[in-house]
Structures are given as C-alpha cells and as structure tokens.
Amino acid sequence: MIIIKSRTELEIMRTAGRLVAGAHALVAENIKAGITTMELNRIVEEYIYRHNAIPSFKGYNGFPASICTSINEQVIHGIPGPIPLKNGDIISVDIGVMYNGYHGDAARTYPVGDVQPGAQRLIEVSQEAFFAGLEYARPGYRLLDISHAIGTYVEKNGYSVVKAFVGHGIGQNMHEDPQIPNYGPPGKGVRLRPGMTLAIEPMINEGTDQVVILDDGWTVVTQDGSLSAHFEHTIAITDDEPIILTEEA
C-alpha cells in the first residue's frame, strides 16, 4: 500500500532530510586519503545523535553501523571498517536519519583525492541519471516513467543499471511501497500523486549489471570487479514540481 503523506508529515520528513544533507556535508568535508570508513561512521553518528535524531540504518535488519560505505567495486551496503581510504578510490556513502518518527535517505559517491577520469564520469552519470528520472516525478506520469528515464540515460552513456536492487517509498518506515526500479518500460506502474514520498536511487556499474553479495551478508559488489556509483535523494511528489527533501535549505 502506498501511503500519501500530509503537509505536516512532509514538514517532518523535510527536517529529517535536512539532517541527512548535513551529514553528507560532513562526509564531504572529511573524505580524504587515510581516513577510515569507521571514522566517517563515527562522525555521522555523533552528528545525528547531537540533533536529537536516530540513525535509520543502525540495527536495521541487524546492520551493524549508522552509514553504508561502499568502496570502488562495492555497490551498496558496505560495512564501515578500519581500512583507510586511498587516493584514487571512489566511495558511495548512504545515510538514513529518523526524526520524530519519519525517515530521510540519501546516497552520494565521492572521489577520494585524484581519481581517474573514467571514475569521475561514472560518478557524474549516477547523479545526472537521478535528475533525468526526477523530470518525470510529477502527477500525470507513472512510476516507471521515472525508471525508464534513469535506465535510458545510464545506458546511453555506456554504463549498466543494477537490476537486483531498487529505490523505494519512504516515510514512517525506511522501506515502503512502491519499489522503484532503475529501468523499465514507460507508461507502466502506479500513477504518481501528490503526497507520495520516494527514495530514487540510481546504482550504476562500469561493467556488467550483475552483482554478488559477500559472505558478510550485506556488502554487494559488481560480479566483474568493475567500479560502481550510487546517487540517491528522498523526494516528495507535489501538485507541481517535485521537492527534494534531502538537500540543504
């Protein structure tokens, strides 16, 4: 069931989203060669608690950390640890915040120091694909119009879309209906309505779209070892243009 949010609920989600944006700003300030993902996790966790909110991911289905940190060929759900980042790495950081019972969720892929042009372009296309999909996040369109726009943009630029994982509705639960694939035929799926809140999140690979889950039960990697990038915002459908809830005011 898709839950339509009231104006009051959207305001709470906007506050949660601003906290997610603030946490990402801290990550951007601290990303550098030598820092560990465990340290990034600590920085974000302290920020979230300091603002009277809760890390959405910590303990979610047993996940052991407050953020997901996925390096290079890791697609999503990487667990923070003690290994330092290296110059030339790329790292996807996914952050969720629950504030007053409602969630915000956003991911970015960051370059660490000087990265290869191909890696930088992969990061850029993941972001551009999100905005290609956002053009269709309006009443009158259907859900898979967003999906089709994302998938078409990614493939036009020579990359593959991860099909095993999808975006999702969000609200009082981190994952709600509907599921939002990053590919599919246009004109299909539910009609978009004001008050829907969606976490749209292109996950794209340099090589094959096939992925594997590692033995830790969480970390998803590309099957061929190619680089992967992830970009996500939580958005709200309105009567007019969509609102990105997880960006700074």
C-alpha atoms as a PDB file:
ATOM      1  CA  MET A   1       0.000   0.000   0.000  1.00  0.00           C
ATOM      2  CA  ILE A   2       1.331   3.429  -0.947  1.00  0.00           C
ATOM      3  CA  ILE A   3       0.986   5.922   1.909  1.00  0.00           C
ATOM      4  CA  ILE A   4       0.134   9.508   0.956  1.00  0.00           C
ATOM      5  CA  LYS A   5       1.732  11.998   3.353  1.00  0.00           C
ATOM      6  CA  SER A   6       0.016  15.052   4.801  1.00  0.00           C
ATOM      7  CA  ARG A   7       1.571  18.516   4.779  1.00  0.00           C
ATOM      8  CA  THR A   8       2.540  18.056   8.439  1.00  0.00           C
ATOM      9  CA  GLU A   9       4.219  14.729   7.701  1.00  0.00           C
ATOM     10  CA  LEU A  10       6.115  16.253   4.790  1.00  0.00           C
ATOM     11  CA  GLU A  11       7.443  19.004   7.054  1.00  0.00           C
ATOM     12  CA  ILE A  12       8.783  16.413   9.482  1.00  0.00           C
ATOM     13  CA  MET A  13      10.355  14.494   6.593  1.00  0.00           C
ATOM     14  CA  ARG A  14      11.910  17.758   5.384  1.00  0.00           C
ATOM     15  CA  THR A  15      13.596  18.133   8.766  1.00  0.00           C
ATOM     16  CA  ALA A  16      14.838  14.537   8.612  1.00  0.00           C
ATOM     17  CA  GLY A  17      16.054  15.197   5.078  1.00  0.00           C
ATOM     18  CA  ARG A  18      17.967  18.318   6.077  1.00  0.00           C
ATOM     19  CA  LEU A  19      19.755  16.277   8.729  1.00  0.00           C
ATOM     20  CA  VAL A  20      20.716  13.744   6.051  1.00  0.00           C
ATOM     21  CA  ALA A  21      22.034  16.621   3.928  1.00  0.00           C
ATOM     22  CA  GLY A  22      24.006  17.974   6.863  1.00  0.00           C
ATOM     23  CA  ALA A  23      25.528  14.563   7.493  1.00  0.00           C
ATOM     24  CA  HIS A  24      26.595  14.329   3.843  1.00  0.00           C
ATOM     25  CA  ALA A  25      28.154  17.778   4.076  1.00  0.00           C
ATOM     26  CA  LEU A  26      30.266  16.483   6.972  1.00  0.00           C
ATOM     27  CA  VAL A  27      31.282  13.433   4.934  1.00  0.00           C
ATOM     28  CA  ALA A  28      32.317  15.666   2.028  1.00  0.00           C
ATOM     29  CA  GLU A  29      34.458  17.761   4.393  1.00  0.00           C
ATOM     30  CA  ASN A  30      36.213  14.721   5.824  1.00  0.00           C
ATOM     31  CA  ILE A  31      36.725  12.461   2.783  1.00  0.00           C
ATOM     32  CA  LYS A  32      40.465  12.140   2.186  1.00  0.00           C
ATOM     33  CA  ALA A  33      43.133   9.504   1.765  1.00  0.00           C
ATOM     34  CA  GLY A  34      43.952   7.933   5.127  1.00  0.00           C
ATOM     35  CA  ILE A  35      40.586   8.305   6.832  1.00  0.00           C
ATOM     36  CA  THR A  36      38.796   5.064   7.627  1.00  0.00           C
ATOM     37  CA  THR A  37      35.159   4.353   6.930  1.00  0.00           C
ATOM     38  CA  MET A  38      34.792   3.565  10.637  1.00  0.00           C
ATOM     39  CA  GLU A  39      35.823   7.149  11.380  1.00  0.00           C
ATOM     40  CA  LEU A  40      33.312   8.502   8.846  1.00  0.00           C
ATOM     41  CA  ASN A  41      30.657   6.401  10.560  1.00  0.00           C
ATOM     42  CA  ARG A  42      31.589   7.904  13.947  1.00  0.00           C
ATOM     43  CA  ILE A  43      31.448  11.475  12.611  1.00  0.00           C
ATOM     44  CA  VAL A  44      27.989  10.973  11.094  1.00  0.00           C
ATOM     45  CA  GLU A  45      26.584   9.050  14.046  1.00  0.00           C
ATOM     46  CA  GLU A  46      27.635  11.748  16.513  1.00  0.00           C
ATOM     47  CA  TYR A  47      26.095  14.426  14.268  1.00  0.00           C
ATOM     48  CA  ILE A  48      22.762  12.588  14.050  1.00  0.00           C
ATOM     49  CA  TYR A  49      22.501  11.995  17.803  1.00  0.00           C
ATOM     50  CA  ARG A  50      23.547  15.597  18.518  1.00  0.00           C
ATOM     51  CA  HIS A  51      20.475  16.721  16.538  1.00  0.00           C
ATOM     52  CA  ASN A  52      18.066  14.555  18.541  1.00  0.00           C
ATOM     53  CA  ALA A  53      17.589  12.096  15.715  1.00  0.00           C
ATOM     54  CA  ILE A  54      18.326   8.408  15.164  1.00  0.00           C
ATOM     55  CA  PRO A  55      20.496   6.704  12.510  1.00  0.00           C
ATOM     56  CA  SER A  56      17.950   4.803  10.416  1.00  0.00           C
ATOM     57  CA  PHE A  57      20.357   2.064   9.392  1.00  0.00           C
ATOM     58  CA  LYS A  58      21.855   1.140  12.764  1.00  0.00           C
ATOM     59  CA  GLY A  59      20.383  -2.217  13.738  1.00  0.00           C
ATOM     60  CA  TYR A  60      18.077  -2.284  10.682  1.00  0.00           C
ATOM     61  CA  ASN A  61      17.691  -6.000   9.992  1.00  0.00           C
ATOM     62  CA  GLY A  62      20.888  -6.384  12.001  1.00  0.00           C
ATOM     63  CA  PHE A  63      23.037  -3.882  10.075  1.00  0.00           C
ATOM     64  CA  PRO A  64      25.933  -3.029  12.439  1.00  0.00           C
ATOM     65  CA  ALA A  65      26.622   0.631  11.571  1.00  0.00           C
ATOM     66  CA  SER A  66      24.972   4.019  11.085  1.00  0.00           C
ATOM     67  CA  ILE A  67      26.043   4.539   7.462  1.00  0.00           C
ATOM     68  CA  CYS A  68      26.812   2.319   4.477  1.00  0.00           C
ATOM     69  CA  THR A  69      30.257   2.806   2.929  1.00  0.00           C
ATOM     70  CA  SER A  70      30.840   1.070  -0.410  1.00  0.00           C
ATOM     71  CA  ILE A  71      34.288   1.437  -1.992  1.00  0.00           C
ATOM     72  CA  ASN A  72      35.174   1.035  -5.695  1.00  0.00           C
ATOM     73  CA  GLU A  73      33.549  -2.241  -6.883  1.00  0.00           C
ATOM     74  CA  GLN A  74      31.229  -2.290  -3.868  1.00  0.00           C
ATOM     75  CA  VAL A  75      27.748  -1.258  -4.989  1.00  0.00           C
ATOM     76  CA  ILE A  76      25.767  -0.785  -1.767  1.00  0.00           C
ATOM     77  CA  HIS A  77      25.551  -1.858   1.885  1.00  0.00           C
ATOM     78  CA  GLY A  78      29.287  -1.792   2.591  1.00  0.00           C
ATOM     79  CA  ILE A  79      30.040  -2.018   6.327  1.00  0.00           C
ATOM     80  CA  PRO A  80      32.363   0.645   7.801  1.00  0.00           C
ATOM     81  CA  GLY A  81      35.699  -0.717   8.983  1.00  0.00           C
ATOM     82  CA  PRO A  82      39.330   0.052   9.871  1.00  0.00           C
ATOM     83  CA  ILE A  83      40.897   0.072   6.399  1.00  0.00           C
ATOM     84  CA  PRO A  84      41.932   3.605   5.321  1.00  0.00           C
ATOM     85  CA  LEU A  85      40.758   5.116   2.057  1.00  0.00           C
ATOM     86  CA  LYS A  86      43.367   5.516  -0.667  1.00  0.00           C
ATOM     87  CA  ASN A  87      43.951   8.291  -3.171  1.00  0.00           C
ATOM     88  CA  GLY A  88      42.023   7.376  -6.334  1.00  0.00           C
ATOM     89  CA  ASP A  89      39.290   5.404  -4.568  1.00  0.00           C
ATOM     90  CA  ILE A  90      35.636   6.229  -5.022  1.00  0.00           C
ATOM     91  CA  ILE A  91      33.252   5.632  -2.128  1.00  0.00           C
ATOM     92  CA  SER A  92      29.465   5.553  -2.028  1.00  0.00           C
ATOM     93  CA  VAL A  93      28.083   6.733   1.307  1.00  0.00           C
ATOM     94  CA  ASP A  94      24.428   6.034   2.112  1.00  0.00           C
ATOM     95  CA  ILE A  95      22.883   7.822   5.107  1.00  0.00           C
ATOM     96  CA  GLY A  96      19.452   7.470   6.691  1.00  0.00           C
ATOM     97  CA  VAL A  97      18.044   9.603   9.523  1.00  0.00           C
ATOM     98  CA  MET A  98      14.848   9.127  11.519  1.00  0.00           C
ATOM     99  CA  TYR A  99      13.479  12.300  13.075  1.00  0.00           C
ATOM    100  CA  ASN A 100      10.217  12.378  15.033  1.00  0.00           C
ATOM    101  CA  GLY A 101       9.224   9.012  13.583  1.00  0.00           C
ATOM    102  CA  TYR A 102       9.930   9.748   9.894  1.00  0.00           C
ATOM    103  CA  HIS A 103      12.905   8.850   7.716  1.00  0.00           C
ATOM    104  CA  GLY A 104      15.128  10.615   5.200  1.00  0.00           C
ATOM    105  CA  ASP A 105      17.551   8.681   2.981  1.00  0.00           C
ATOM    106  CA  ALA A 106      20.233   9.817   0.536  1.00  0.00           C
ATOM    107  CA  ALA A 107      23.451   8.494  -1.007  1.00  0.00           C
ATOM    108  CA  ARG A 108      26.390  10.062  -2.813  1.00  0.00           C
ATOM    109  CA  THR A 109      29.524   8.677  -4.432  1.00  0.00           C
ATOM    110  CA  TYR A 110      32.612  10.689  -3.520  1.00  0.00           C
ATOM    111  CA  PRO A 111      36.051  10.769  -5.151  1.00  0.00           C
ATOM    112  CA  VAL A 112      38.992  10.312  -2.792  1.00  0.00           C
ATOM    113  CA  GLY A 113      41.740  12.694  -3.851  1.00  0.00           C
ATOM    114  CA  ASP A 114      42.664  12.432  -7.525  1.00  0.00           C
ATOM    115  CA  VAL A 115      40.557   9.844  -9.357  1.00  0.00           C
ATOM    116  CA  GLN A 116      40.771   8.597 -12.924  1.00  0.00           C
ATOM    117  CA  PRO A 117      38.605  10.481 -15.463  1.00  0.00           C
ATOM    118  CA  GLY A 118      36.528   7.332 -16.054  1.00  0.00           C
ATOM    119  CA  ALA A 119      35.720   7.047 -12.357  1.00  0.00           C
ATOM    120  CA  GLN A 120      34.767  10.717 -12.167  1.00  0.00           C
ATOM    121  CA  ARG A 121      32.469  10.346 -15.175  1.00  0.00           C
ATOM    122  CA  LEU A 122      30.778   7.321 -13.588  1.00  0.00           C
ATOM    123  CA  ILE A 123      30.034   9.434 -10.505  1.00  0.00           C
ATOM    124  CA  GLU A 124      28.658  12.248 -12.664  1.00  0.00           C
ATOM    125  CA  VAL A 125      26.378   9.950 -14.664  1.00  0.00           C
ATOM    126  CA  SER A 126      24.885   8.447 -11.492  1.00  0.00           C
ATOM    127  CA  GLN A 127      23.866  11.947 -10.421  1.00  0.00           C
ATOM    128  CA  GLU A 128      22.689  13.007 -13.865  1.00  0.00           C
ATOM    129  CA  ALA A 129      20.586   9.846 -14.139  1.00  0.00           C
ATOM    130  CA  PHE A 130      18.770  10.755 -10.920  1.00  0.00           C
ATOM    131  CA  PHE A 131      17.853  14.154 -12.339  1.00  0.00           C
ATOM    132  CA  ALA A 132      16.771  12.567 -15.631  1.00  0.00           C
ATOM    133  CA  GLY A 133      14.305  10.481 -13.644  1.00  0.00           C
ATOM    134  CA  LEU A 134      13.237  13.416 -11.469  1.00  0.00           C
ATOM    135  CA  GLU A 135      11.823  15.155 -14.567  1.00  0.00           C
ATOM    136  CA  TYR A 136       9.021  12.578 -14.508  1.00  0.00           C
ATOM    137  CA  ALA A 137       8.296  12.736 -10.768  1.00  0.00           C
ATOM    138  CA  ARG A 138       5.085  14.679 -11.289  1.00  0.00           C
ATOM    139  CA  PRO A 139       1.351  13.992 -11.309  1.00  0.00           C
ATOM    140  CA  GLY A 140       0.196  12.650 -14.648  1.00  0.00           C
ATOM    141  CA  TYR A 141       3.181  10.368 -15.092  1.00  0.00           C
ATOM    142  CA  ARG A 142       3.521   6.765 -13.991  1.00  0.00           C
ATOM    143  CA  LEU A 143       6.175   5.273 -11.735  1.00  0.00           C
ATOM    144  CA  LEU A 144       8.078   3.505 -14.497  1.00  0.00           C
ATOM    145  CA  ASP A 145       8.390   6.731 -16.444  1.00  0.00           C
ATOM    146  CA  ILE A 146      10.980   7.634 -13.785  1.00  0.00           C
ATOM    147  CA  SER A 147      12.593   4.204 -14.101  1.00  0.00           C
ATOM    148  CA  HIS A 148      12.735   4.353 -17.892  1.00  0.00           C
ATOM    149  CA  ALA A 149      14.315   7.799 -17.915  1.00  0.00           C
ATOM    150  CA  ILE A 150      17.045   6.661 -15.496  1.00  0.00           C
ATOM    151  CA  GLY A 151      17.837   3.441 -17.326  1.00  0.00           C
ATOM    152  CA  THR A 152      17.854   5.074 -20.741  1.00  0.00           C
ATOM    153  CA  TYR A 153      20.225   7.822 -19.599  1.00  0.00           C
ATOM    154  CA  VAL A 154      22.629   5.375 -17.963  1.00  0.00           C
ATOM    155  CA  GLU A 155      22.796   3.036 -20.946  1.00  0.00           C
ATOM    156  CA  LYS A 156      23.118   5.943 -23.403  1.00  0.00           C
ATOM    157  CA  ASN A 157      26.281   6.878 -21.528  1.00  0.00           C
ATOM    158  CA  GLY A 158      27.742   3.392 -21.779  1.00  0.00           C
ATOM    159  CA  TYR A 159      27.086   2.095 -18.254  1.00  0.00           C
ATOM    160  CA  SER A 160      24.812  -0.610 -16.872  1.00  0.00           C
ATOM    161  CA  VAL A 161      21.984  -0.300 -14.358  1.00  0.00           C
ATOM    162  CA  VAL A 162      21.917  -2.581 -11.321  1.00  0.00           C
ATOM    163  CA  LYS A 163      18.657  -4.516 -11.577  1.00  0.00           C
ATOM    164  CA  ALA A 164      18.871  -6.605  -8.407  1.00  0.00           C
ATOM    165  CA  PHE A 165      18.233  -3.596  -6.129  1.00  0.00           C
ATOM    166  CA  VAL A 166      15.723  -0.769  -6.391  1.00  0.00           C
ATOM    167  CA  GLY A 167      14.582   2.511  -4.893  1.00  0.00           C
ATOM    168  CA  HIS A 168      11.580   2.629  -2.601  1.00  0.00           C
ATOM    169  CA  GLY A 169       8.825   4.543  -0.925  1.00  0.00           C
ATOM    170  CA  ILE A 170       9.742   6.029   2.443  1.00  0.00           C
ATOM    171  CA  GLY A 171       8.052   7.596   5.445  1.00  0.00           C
ATOM    172  CA  GLN A 172       7.435   6.183   8.896  1.00  0.00           C
ATOM    173  CA  ASN A 173       9.170   3.083   7.553  1.00  0.00           C
ATOM    174  CA  MET A 174      12.542   3.176   5.855  1.00  0.00           C
ATOM    175  CA  HIS A 175      11.202   0.978   3.049  1.00  0.00           C
ATOM    176  CA  GLU A 176       7.595   1.370   1.930  1.00  0.00           C
ATOM    177  CA  ASP A 177       5.690   0.743  -1.277  1.00  0.00           C
ATOM    178  CA  PRO A 178       6.283   1.286  -4.111  1.00  0.00           C
ATOM    179  CA  GLN A 179       9.512  -0.323  -5.265  1.00  0.00           C
ATOM    180  CA  ILE A 180      11.265   1.865  -7.858  1.00  0.00           C
ATOM    181  CA  PRO A 181      13.493   0.013 -10.350  1.00  0.00           C
ATOM    182  CA  ASN A 182      16.051   1.987 -12.332  1.00  0.00           C
ATOM    183  CA  TYR A 183      14.881   0.547 -15.648  1.00  0.00           C
ATOM    184  CA  GLY A 184      11.613  -0.460 -17.263  1.00  0.00           C
ATOM    185  CA  PRO A 185       9.016   0.407 -19.900  1.00  0.00           C
ATOM    186  CA  PRO A 186       7.492   3.895 -19.811  1.00  0.00           C
ATOM    187  CA  GLY A 187       3.781   4.338 -19.177  1.00  0.00           C
ATOM    188  CA  LYS A 188       3.603   1.494 -16.664  1.00  0.00           C
ATOM    189  CA  GLY A 189       3.223   1.359 -12.894  1.00  0.00           C
ATOM    190  CA  VAL A 190       1.103   3.381 -10.492  1.00  0.00           C
ATOM    191  CA  ARG A 191       0.107   6.912 -11.331  1.00  0.00           C
ATOM    192  CA  LEU A 192       2.072   9.472  -9.354  1.00  0.00           C
ATOM    193  CA  ARG A 193       0.065  11.501  -6.842  1.00  0.00           C
ATOM    194  CA  PRO A 194       0.843  14.479  -4.616  1.00  0.00           C
ATOM    195  CA  GLY A 195       1.958  13.336  -1.172  1.00  0.00           C
ATOM    196  CA  MET A 196       3.926  10.314  -2.386  1.00  0.00           C
ATOM    197  CA  THR A 197       7.444  10.232  -0.936  1.00  0.00           C
ATOM    198  CA  LEU A 198      10.062   8.274  -2.838  1.00  0.00           C
ATOM    199  CA  ALA A 199      13.740   7.416  -2.439  1.00  0.00           C
ATOM    200  CA  ILE A 200      15.006   7.391  -6.020  1.00  0.00           C
ATOM    201  CA  GLU A 201      18.476   5.881  -6.269  1.00  0.00           C
ATOM    202  CA  PRO A 202      20.326   5.016  -9.471  1.00  0.00           C
ATOM    203  CA  MET A 203      23.019   2.370  -8.893  1.00  0.00           C
ATOM    204  CA  ILE A 204      25.213   2.051 -11.958  1.00  0.00           C
ATOM    205  CA  ASN A 205      28.239  -0.036 -12.926  1.00  0.00           C
ATOM    206  CA  GLU A 206      31.123   0.477 -15.339  1.00  0.00           C
ATOM    207  CA  GLY A 207      30.797  -3.134 -16.496  1.00  0.00           C
ATOM    208  CA  THR A 208      28.163  -5.817 -16.091  1.00  0.00           C
ATOM    209  CA  ASP A 209      24.940  -5.169 -14.199  1.00  0.00           C
ATOM    210  CA  GLN A 210      25.414  -8.463 -12.333  1.00  0.00           C
ATOM    211  CA  VAL A 211      26.199  -8.252  -8.624  1.00  0.00           C
ATOM    212  CA  VAL A 212      27.160 -10.606  -5.783  1.00  0.00           C
ATOM    213  CA  ILE A 213      26.540 -10.388  -2.031  1.00  0.00           C
ATOM    214  CA  LEU A 214      29.679 -11.089   0.017  1.00  0.00           C
ATOM    215  CA  ASP A 215      29.907 -13.506   2.921  1.00  0.00           C
ATOM    216  CA  ASP A 216      29.193 -10.753   5.460  1.00  0.00           C
ATOM    217  CA  GLY A 217      25.604 -10.924   4.227  1.00  0.00           C
ATOM    218  CA  TRP A 218      25.498  -7.214   3.402  1.00  0.00           C
ATOM    219  CA  THR A 219      28.162  -5.916   1.036  1.00  0.00           C
ATOM    220  CA  VAL A 220      27.077  -6.033  -2.618  1.00  0.00           C
ATOM    221  CA  VAL A 221      29.860  -5.981  -5.235  1.00  0.00           C
ATOM    222  CA  THR A 222      29.980  -5.997  -9.014  1.00  0.00           C
ATOM    223  CA  GLN A 223      30.425  -9.509 -10.361  1.00  0.00           C
ATOM    224  CA  ASP A 224      33.252  -8.464 -12.693  1.00  0.00           C
ATOM    225  CA  GLY A 225      35.059  -6.174 -10.234  1.00  0.00           C
ATOM    226  CA  SER A 226      34.204  -3.003 -12.162  1.00  0.00           C
ATOM    227  CA  LEU A 227      33.535   0.306 -10.407  1.00  0.00           C
ATOM    228  CA  SER A 228      30.058   1.219  -9.194  1.00  0.00           C
ATOM    229  CA  ALA A 229      28.408   4.528  -8.264  1.00  0.00           C
ATOM    230  CA  HIS A 230      25.233   5.345  -6.332  1.00  0.00           C
ATOM    231  CA  PHE A 231      23.209   8.556  -6.086  1.00  0.00           C
ATOM    232  CA  GLU A 232      20.007   8.953  -4.078  1.00  0.00           C
ATOM    233  CA  HIS A 233      17.621  11.585  -2.782  1.00  0.00           C
ATOM    234  CA  THR A 234      14.316  11.357  -0.932  1.00  0.00           C
ATOM    235  CA  ILE A 235      11.715  13.370  -2.848  1.00  0.00           C
ATOM    236  CA  ALA A 236       8.052  14.338  -2.497  1.00  0.00           C
ATOM    237  CA  ILE A 237       5.538  14.467  -5.333  1.00  0.00           C
ATOM    238  CA  THR A 238       3.582  17.738  -5.287  1.00  0.00           C
ATOM    239  CA  ASP A 239       0.907  19.338  -7.447  1.00  0.00           C
ATOM    240  CA  ASP A 240       3.725  20.840  -9.494  1.00  0.00           C
ATOM    241  CA  GLU A 241       7.489  20.226  -9.388  1.00  0.00           C
ATOM    242  CA  PRO A 242       8.872  17.555  -7.060  1.00  0.00           C
ATOM    243  CA  ILE A 243      10.583  18.634  -3.848  1.00  0.00           C
ATOM    244  CA  ILE A 244      13.965  17.142  -2.922  1.00  0.00           C
ATOM    245  CA  LEU A 245      13.679  16.583   0.820  1.00  0.00           C
ATOM    246  CA  THR A 246      17.303  15.555   1.397  1.00  0.00           C
ATOM    247  CA  GLU A 247      19.087  18.696   0.312  1.00  0.00           C
ATOM    248  CA  GLU A 248      20.205  21.610   2.448  1.00  0.00           C
ATOM    249  CA  ALA A 249      17.853  24.558   2.774  1.00  0.00           C
END
